[in-house]
């Protein structure tokens, strides 16, 4: 069970405040953004390389 699922379950059971759910949501969003940035880095590097080699300009 993920942290968000666990926090939600504990909140629904009345064991934890809603703040714990919000904190778990924020952590999940941060992790998802980091994963997207990590996956995007090679694409950005490839585009920069192509541009520096003279490609990627305007269509002729």
C-alpha atoms as a PDB file:
ATOM      1  CA  UNK A   1       0.000   0.000   0.000  1.00  0.00           C
ATOM      2  CA  UNK A   2       1.379   3.434  -0.943  1.00  0.00           C
ATOM      3  CA  UNK A   3       1.817   6.300   1.466  1.00  0.00           C
ATOM      4  CA  UNK A   4      -1.158   8.176   0.053  1.00  0.00           C
ATOM      5  CA  UNK A   5      -3.397   5.122   0.288  1.00  0.00           C
ATOM      6  CA  UNK A   6      -2.249   4.501   3.843  1.00  0.00           C
ATOM      7  CA  UNK A   7      -2.756   8.136   4.869  1.00  0.00           C
ATOM      8  CA  UNK A   8      -6.221   8.155   3.284  1.00  0.00           C
ATOM      9  CA  UNK A   9      -7.206   4.944   5.031  1.00  0.00           C
ATOM     10  CA  UNK A  10      -5.985   6.238   8.385  1.00  0.00           C
ATOM     11  CA  UNK A  11      -7.872   9.516   7.838  1.00  0.00           C
ATOM     12  CA  UNK A  12     -11.078   7.697   6.895  1.00  0.00           C
ATOM     13  CA  UNK A  13     -10.729   5.535  10.013  1.00  0.00           C
ATOM     14  CA  UNK A  14     -10.424   8.680  12.115  1.00  0.00           C
ATOM     15  CA  UNK A  15      -6.860   7.907  13.177  1.00  0.00           C
ATOM     16  CA  UNK A  16      -5.052  10.807  11.480  1.00  0.00           C
ATOM     17  CA  UNK A  17      -5.873  14.385  10.483  1.00  0.00           C
ATOM     18  CA  UNK A  18      -6.515  15.457   6.905  1.00  0.00           C
ATOM     19  CA  UNK A  19      -3.145  17.228   6.914  1.00  0.00           C
ATOM     20  CA  UNK A  20      -1.425  13.839   6.672  1.00  0.00           C
ATOM     21  CA  UNK A  21      -3.370  13.079   3.482  1.00  0.00           C
ATOM     22  CA  UNK A  22      -2.433  16.449   1.999  1.00  0.00           C
ATOM     23  CA  UNK A  23       1.206  15.907   2.921  1.00  0.00           C
ATOM     24  CA  UNK A  24       1.168  12.481   1.267  1.00  0.00           C
ATOM     25  CA  UNK A  25      -0.447  13.995  -1.854  1.00  0.00           C
ATOM     26  CA  UNK A  26       2.249  16.684  -2.009  1.00  0.00           C
ATOM     27  CA  UNK A  27       5.004  14.074  -1.661  1.00  0.00           C
ATOM     28  CA  UNK A  28       3.461  11.964  -4.425  1.00  0.00           C
ATOM     29  CA  UNK A  29       3.206  14.981  -6.743  1.00  0.00           C
ATOM     30  CA  UNK A  30       6.814  15.903  -6.031  1.00  0.00           C
ATOM     31  CA  UNK A  31       7.960  12.366  -6.824  1.00  0.00           C
ATOM     32  CA  UNK A  32       5.927  12.302 -10.038  1.00  0.00           C
ATOM     33  CA  UNK A  33       7.401  15.628 -11.159  1.00  0.00           C
ATOM     34  CA  UNK A  34      10.916  14.367 -10.441  1.00  0.00           C
ATOM     35  CA  UNK A  35      10.234  11.236 -12.504  1.00  0.00           C
ATOM     36  CA  UNK A  36       8.987  13.310 -15.445  1.00  0.00           C
ATOM     37  CA  UNK A  37      12.035  15.573 -15.258  1.00  0.00           C
ATOM     38  CA  UNK A  38      14.326  12.544 -15.109  1.00  0.00           C
ATOM     39  CA  UNK A  39      12.701  10.996 -18.190  1.00  0.00           C
ATOM     40  CA  UNK A  40      12.804  14.322 -20.036  1.00  0.00           C
ATOM     41  CA  UNK A  41      16.551  14.962 -19.548  1.00  0.00           C
ATOM     42  CA  UNK A  42      17.772  12.671 -22.368  1.00  0.00           C
ATOM     43  CA  UNK A  43      15.253  14.204 -24.787  1.00  0.00           C
ATOM     44  CA  UNK A  44      16.364  17.731 -23.954  1.00  0.00           C
ATOM     45  CA  UNK A  45      20.016  16.730 -24.270  1.00  0.00           C
ATOM     46  CA  UNK A  46      19.361  15.146 -27.682  1.00  0.00           C
ATOM     47  CA  UNK A  47      17.564  18.249 -28.905  1.00  0.00           C
ATOM     48  CA  UNK A  48      20.407  20.467 -27.697  1.00  0.00           C
ATOM     49  CA  UNK A  49      22.960  18.236 -29.415  1.00  0.00           C
ATOM     50  CA  UNK A  50      21.056  18.306 -32.704  1.00  0.00           C
ATOM     51  CA  UNK A  51      20.750  22.078 -32.507  1.00  0.00           C
ATOM     52  CA  UNK A  52      24.456  22.511 -31.781  1.00  0.00           C
ATOM     53  CA  UNK A  53      25.285  20.330 -34.798  1.00  0.00           C
ATOM     54  CA  UNK A  54      23.249  22.617 -37.026  1.00  0.00           C
ATOM     55  CA  UNK A  55      19.999  20.700 -37.104  1.00  0.00           C
ATOM     56  CA  UNK A  56      16.630  21.517 -35.670  1.00  0.00           C
ATOM     57  CA  UNK A  57      16.359  24.887 -37.369  1.00  0.00           C
ATOM     58  CA  UNK A  58      13.634  26.224 -39.597  1.00  0.00           C
ATOM     59  CA  UNK A  59      12.220  24.030 -42.332  1.00  0.00           C
ATOM     60  CA  UNK A  60      13.417  24.979 -45.821  1.00  0.00           C
END
